[in-house]
Amino acid sequence: MALSKVLIHKNPQFGKCPACKKSGTIHRSRSRSVLEQIAQFTSVIKIYRCKECGWRGFRSTIVITKKSVQSIFAYLVLIILAAFIVRYIILHYALN
């Protein structure tokens, strides 16, 4: 399974507004402060505004599902297991 399949990218513009619950009314909003610009530039969280009710807030551009958490956990277990195997091989065979 590729890592790109673990975290699902989504476009919040097709989702529902958290305030008025209408679909398709959210669009990207400009940053108002330096902190908002830093947050938008350095993360997967972007600022959106609702055309209907005027709600303005942050929305994530990725979805983390139960399956993605399980996949990430499986990758971490495999990495740790591989590290222990490499360590064992180095300590017992390469250094003797």
N, C-alpha and C. Protein backbone atom coordinates (compact mmCIF):
# COMPACT_ATOMS: atom_id res chain seq x y z
N MET A 1 0.86 -1.18 0.00
CA MET A 1 0.00 0.00 0.00
C MET A 1 0.89 1.23 0.00
N ALA A 2 0.66 2.12 -0.90
CA ALA A 2 1.46 3.34 -1.00
C ALA A 2 1.05 4.32 0.08
N LEU A 3 2.00 5.15 0.49
CA LEU A 3 1.72 6.13 1.53
C LEU A 3 0.66 7.13 1.08
N SER A 4 0.59 7.40 -0.22
CA SER A 4 -0.42 8.34 -0.71
C SER A 4 -1.83 7.79 -0.52
N LYS A 5 -1.97 6.49 -0.40
CA LYS A 5 -3.29 5.90 -0.16
C LYS A 5 -3.65 5.92 1.32
N VAL A 6 -2.66 6.13 2.20
CA VAL A 6 -2.93 6.14 3.64
C VAL A 6 -3.65 7.41 4.04
N LEU A 7 -3.14 8.55 3.61
CA LEU A 7 -3.79 9.82 3.91
C LEU A 7 -4.56 10.26 2.67
N ILE A 8 -5.85 10.44 2.82
CA ILE A 8 -6.72 10.76 1.70
C ILE A 8 -6.84 12.28 1.59
N HIS A 9 -6.45 12.83 0.45
CA HIS A 9 -6.59 14.27 0.23
C HIS A 9 -8.02 14.58 -0.18
N LYS A 10 -8.55 15.65 0.36
CA LYS A 10 -9.91 16.04 0.01
C LYS A 10 -9.94 17.54 -0.24
N ASN A 11 -10.96 17.98 -0.91
CA ASN A 11 -11.17 19.39 -1.16
C ASN A 11 -12.35 19.84 -0.30
N PRO A 12 -12.11 20.62 0.75
CA PRO A 12 -13.21 21.04 1.64
C PRO A 12 -14.28 21.87 0.95
N GLN A 13 -14.00 22.40 -0.25
CA GLN A 13 -14.99 23.21 -0.94
C GLN A 13 -16.24 22.41 -1.31
N PHE A 14 -16.10 21.09 -1.39
CA PHE A 14 -17.25 20.25 -1.73
C PHE A 14 -17.97 19.75 -0.48
N GLY A 15 -17.46 20.08 0.69
CA GLY A 15 -18.08 19.65 1.94
C GLY A 15 -19.15 20.61 2.41
N LYS A 16 -19.64 20.35 3.60
CA LYS A 16 -20.69 21.18 4.18
C LYS A 16 -20.08 22.26 5.07
N CYS A 17 -20.75 23.39 5.12
CA CYS A 17 -20.36 24.46 6.03
C CYS A 17 -20.66 24.01 7.46
N PRO A 18 -19.72 24.19 8.39
CA PRO A 18 -19.96 23.77 9.77
C PRO A 18 -21.07 24.58 10.46
N ALA A 19 -21.32 25.79 9.99
CA ALA A 19 -22.33 26.63 10.64
C ALA A 19 -23.72 26.42 10.07
N CYS A 20 -23.88 26.58 8.76
CA CYS A 20 -25.22 26.50 8.16
C CYS A 20 -25.53 25.14 7.54
N LYS A 21 -24.55 24.26 7.44
CA LYS A 21 -24.71 22.88 6.94
C LYS A 21 -25.09 22.79 5.47
N LYS A 22 -24.88 23.86 4.69
CA LYS A 22 -25.16 23.81 3.26
C LYS A 22 -23.95 23.30 2.52
N SER A 23 -24.18 22.50 1.48
CA SER A 23 -23.09 21.91 0.70
C SER A 23 -22.66 22.84 -0.43
N GLY A 24 -21.36 22.83 -0.72
CA GLY A 24 -20.83 23.56 -1.86
C GLY A 24 -20.78 25.06 -1.70
N THR A 25 -20.85 25.58 -0.49
CA THR A 25 -20.83 27.03 -0.30
C THR A 25 -19.50 27.53 0.25
N ILE A 26 -18.57 26.64 0.51
CA ILE A 26 -17.30 27.02 1.12
C ILE A 26 -16.28 27.32 0.02
N HIS A 27 -15.51 28.39 0.21
CA HIS A 27 -14.42 28.74 -0.72
C HIS A 27 -13.23 29.22 0.10
N ARG A 28 -12.04 29.21 -0.52
CA ARG A 28 -10.82 29.64 0.17
C ARG A 28 -10.91 31.11 0.53
N SER A 29 -10.36 31.45 1.68
CA SER A 29 -10.34 32.83 2.16
C SER A 29 -8.90 33.29 2.31
N ARG A 30 -8.68 34.57 2.14
CA ARG A 30 -7.34 35.12 2.29
C ARG A 30 -6.95 35.20 3.76
N SER A 31 -5.64 35.15 3.99
CA SER A 31 -5.13 35.30 5.35
C SER A 31 -5.25 36.75 5.79
N ARG A 32 -5.62 36.94 7.05
CA ARG A 32 -5.75 38.29 7.59
C ARG A 32 -4.54 38.71 8.41
N SER A 33 -3.81 37.76 8.94
CA SER A 33 -2.68 38.10 9.80
C SER A 33 -1.46 37.27 9.43
N VAL A 34 -0.34 37.64 10.01
CA VAL A 34 0.89 36.91 9.77
C VAL A 34 0.78 35.48 10.31
N LEU A 35 0.13 35.32 11.45
CA LEU A 35 -0.04 33.98 12.03
C LEU A 35 -0.87 33.08 11.11
N GLU A 36 -1.90 33.63 10.50
CA GLU A 36 -2.71 32.84 9.55
C GLU A 36 -1.89 32.48 8.32
N GLN A 37 -1.05 33.39 7.85
CA GLN A 37 -0.20 33.09 6.70
C GLN A 37 0.78 31.98 7.02
N ILE A 38 1.36 32.01 8.20
CA ILE A 38 2.30 30.96 8.62
C ILE A 38 1.57 29.63 8.74
N ALA A 39 0.38 29.65 9.33
CA ALA A 39 -0.39 28.41 9.50
C ALA A 39 -0.75 27.81 8.15
N GLN A 40 -1.17 28.62 7.20
CA GLN A 40 -1.54 28.13 5.87
C GLN A 40 -0.33 27.59 5.12
N PHE A 41 0.79 28.26 5.26
CA PHE A 41 1.99 27.88 4.50
C PHE A 41 2.63 26.61 5.04
N THR A 42 2.56 26.39 6.34
CA THR A 42 3.29 25.29 6.95
C THR A 42 2.45 24.07 7.30
N SER A 43 1.19 24.06 6.98
CA SER A 43 0.36 22.92 7.38
C SER A 43 -0.65 22.55 6.29
N VAL A 44 -1.41 21.52 6.59
CA VAL A 44 -2.47 21.07 5.68
C VAL A 44 -3.81 21.71 6.03
N ILE A 45 -3.77 22.67 6.94
CA ILE A 45 -4.98 23.38 7.34
C ILE A 45 -5.03 24.71 6.58
N LYS A 46 -6.14 24.98 5.94
CA LYS A 46 -6.33 26.20 5.15
C LYS A 46 -7.55 26.95 5.66
N ILE A 47 -7.63 28.24 5.34
CA ILE A 47 -8.74 29.08 5.78
C ILE A 47 -9.83 29.10 4.70
N TYR A 48 -11.07 28.89 5.13
CA TYR A 48 -12.22 28.88 4.22
C TYR A 48 -13.30 29.81 4.74
N ARG A 49 -14.19 30.23 3.83
CA ARG A 49 -15.33 31.07 4.17
C ARG A 49 -16.57 30.53 3.47
N CYS A 50 -17.72 30.64 4.14
CA CYS A 50 -18.99 30.22 3.55
C CYS A 50 -19.62 31.40 2.83
N LYS A 51 -20.07 31.16 1.60
CA LYS A 51 -20.71 32.22 0.81
C LYS A 51 -22.10 32.56 1.35
N GLU A 52 -22.75 31.61 1.99
CA GLU A 52 -24.12 31.81 2.47
C GLU A 52 -24.18 32.53 3.82
N CYS A 53 -23.52 31.98 4.82
CA CYS A 53 -23.67 32.51 6.18
C CYS A 53 -22.49 33.36 6.64
N GLY A 54 -21.37 33.35 5.88
CA GLY A 54 -20.23 34.16 6.26
C GLY A 54 -19.27 33.50 7.24
N TRP A 55 -19.54 32.25 7.60
CA TRP A 55 -18.63 31.53 8.51
C TRP A 55 -17.22 31.57 7.93
N ARG A 56 -16.24 31.74 8.80
CA ARG A 56 -14.84 31.75 8.38
C ARG A 56 -14.05 30.94 9.40
N GLY A 57 -13.27 29.98 8.89
CA GLY A 57 -12.48 29.16 9.80
C GLY A 57 -11.53 28.24 9.06
N PHE A 58 -10.85 27.43 9.83
CA PHE A 58 -9.85 26.52 9.29
C PHE A 58 -10.47 25.17 8.98
N ARG A 59 -10.06 24.58 7.87
CA ARG A 59 -10.48 23.23 7.48
C ARG A 59 -9.24 22.47 7.03
N SER A 60 -9.22 21.19 7.30
CA SER A 60 -8.10 20.34 6.90
C SER A 60 -8.29 19.87 5.46
N THR A 61 -7.17 19.66 4.77
CA THR A 61 -7.24 19.18 3.39
C THR A 61 -6.96 17.69 3.29
N ILE A 62 -6.82 17.00 4.44
CA ILE A 62 -6.66 15.55 4.42
C ILE A 62 -7.64 14.92 5.39
N VAL A 63 -7.91 13.65 5.16
CA VAL A 63 -8.81 12.90 6.02
C VAL A 63 -8.01 11.75 6.62
N ILE A 64 -8.08 11.60 7.92
CA ILE A 64 -7.43 10.47 8.58
C ILE A 64 -8.54 9.54 9.05
N THR A 65 -8.60 8.35 8.45
CA THR A 65 -9.62 7.39 8.77
C THR A 65 -9.05 6.30 9.69
N LYS A 66 -9.91 5.43 10.17
CA LYS A 66 -9.48 4.33 11.01
C LYS A 66 -8.50 3.44 10.25
N LYS A 67 -8.76 3.21 8.97
CA LYS A 67 -7.89 2.38 8.15
C LYS A 67 -6.52 3.04 7.97
N SER A 68 -6.50 4.37 7.82
CA SER A 68 -5.21 5.05 7.64
C SER A 68 -4.38 4.99 8.92
N VAL A 69 -5.03 5.08 10.09
CA VAL A 69 -4.30 4.95 11.36
C VAL A 69 -3.74 3.54 11.49
N GLN A 70 -4.51 2.54 11.10
CA GLN A 70 -4.03 1.17 11.14
C GLN A 70 -2.84 0.97 10.20
N SER A 71 -2.91 1.57 9.03
CA SER A 71 -1.81 1.45 8.07
C SER A 71 -0.55 2.13 8.57
N ILE A 72 -0.69 3.32 9.15
CA ILE A 72 0.47 4.02 9.71
C ILE A 72 1.08 3.21 10.84
N PHE A 73 0.25 2.63 11.68
CA PHE A 73 0.74 1.79 12.76
C PHE A 73 1.49 0.58 12.21
N ALA A 74 0.95 -0.04 11.17
CA ALA A 74 1.62 -1.20 10.55
C ALA A 74 2.97 -0.81 9.96
N TYR A 75 3.05 0.36 9.31
CA TYR A 75 4.33 0.84 8.77
C TYR A 75 5.34 1.05 9.90
N LEU A 76 4.90 1.65 11.00
CA LEU A 76 5.81 1.87 12.12
C LEU A 76 6.32 0.56 12.71
N VAL A 77 5.45 -0.42 12.84
CA VAL A 77 5.87 -1.74 13.36
C VAL A 77 6.88 -2.37 12.42
N LEU A 78 6.66 -2.29 11.12
CA LEU A 78 7.61 -2.85 10.15
C LEU A 78 8.96 -2.14 10.20
N ILE A 79 8.95 -0.83 10.36
CA ILE A 79 10.20 -0.08 10.45
C ILE A 79 10.98 -0.47 11.70
N ILE A 80 10.29 -0.57 12.83
CA ILE A 80 10.95 -0.95 14.08
C ILE A 80 11.48 -2.38 13.99
N LEU A 81 10.70 -3.27 13.43
CA LEU A 81 11.13 -4.66 13.27
C LEU A 81 12.36 -4.74 12.36
N ALA A 82 12.36 -4.02 11.27
CA ALA A 82 13.51 -4.02 10.36
C ALA A 82 14.75 -3.44 11.06
N ALA A 83 14.57 -2.41 11.87
CA ALA A 83 15.70 -1.83 12.60
C ALA A 83 16.30 -2.83 13.58
N PHE A 84 15.46 -3.59 14.28
CA PHE A 84 15.98 -4.60 15.21
C PHE A 84 16.70 -5.73 14.47
N ILE A 85 16.18 -6.12 13.32
CA ILE A 85 16.84 -7.17 12.54
C ILE A 85 18.20 -6.69 12.04
N VAL A 86 18.27 -5.49 11.54
CA VAL A 86 19.55 -4.94 11.06
C VAL A 86 20.53 -4.80 12.21
N ARG A 87 20.05 -4.34 13.37
CA ARG A 87 20.91 -4.21 14.55
C ARG A 87 21.45 -5.58 14.97
N TYR A 88 20.60 -6.58 14.98
CA TYR A 88 21.01 -7.93 15.36
C TYR A 88 22.08 -8.46 14.40
N ILE A 89 21.86 -8.27 13.11
CA ILE A 89 22.81 -8.75 12.11
C ILE A 89 24.16 -8.04 12.26
N ILE A 90 24.12 -6.75 12.48
CA ILE A 90 25.38 -5.99 12.63
C ILE A 90 26.13 -6.43 13.88
N LEU A 91 25.41 -6.57 15.00
CA LEU A 91 26.08 -6.92 16.26
C LEU A 91 26.61 -8.35 16.28
N HIS A 92 25.92 -9.28 15.65
CA HIS A 92 26.30 -10.69 15.74
C HIS A 92 27.15 -11.20 14.58
N TYR A 93 27.05 -10.58 13.43
CA TYR A 93 27.77 -11.13 12.28
C TYR A 93 28.81 -10.15 11.71
N ALA A 94 28.50 -8.90 11.63
CA ALA A 94 29.41 -7.95 10.99
C ALA A 94 30.57 -7.54 11.91
N LEU A 95 30.34 -7.52 13.21
CA LEU A 95 31.40 -7.10 14.13
C LEU A 95 32.29 -8.25 14.58
N ASN A 96 31.97 -9.48 14.27
CA ASN A 96 32.79 -10.64 14.68
C ASN A 96 33.81 -10.99 13.66
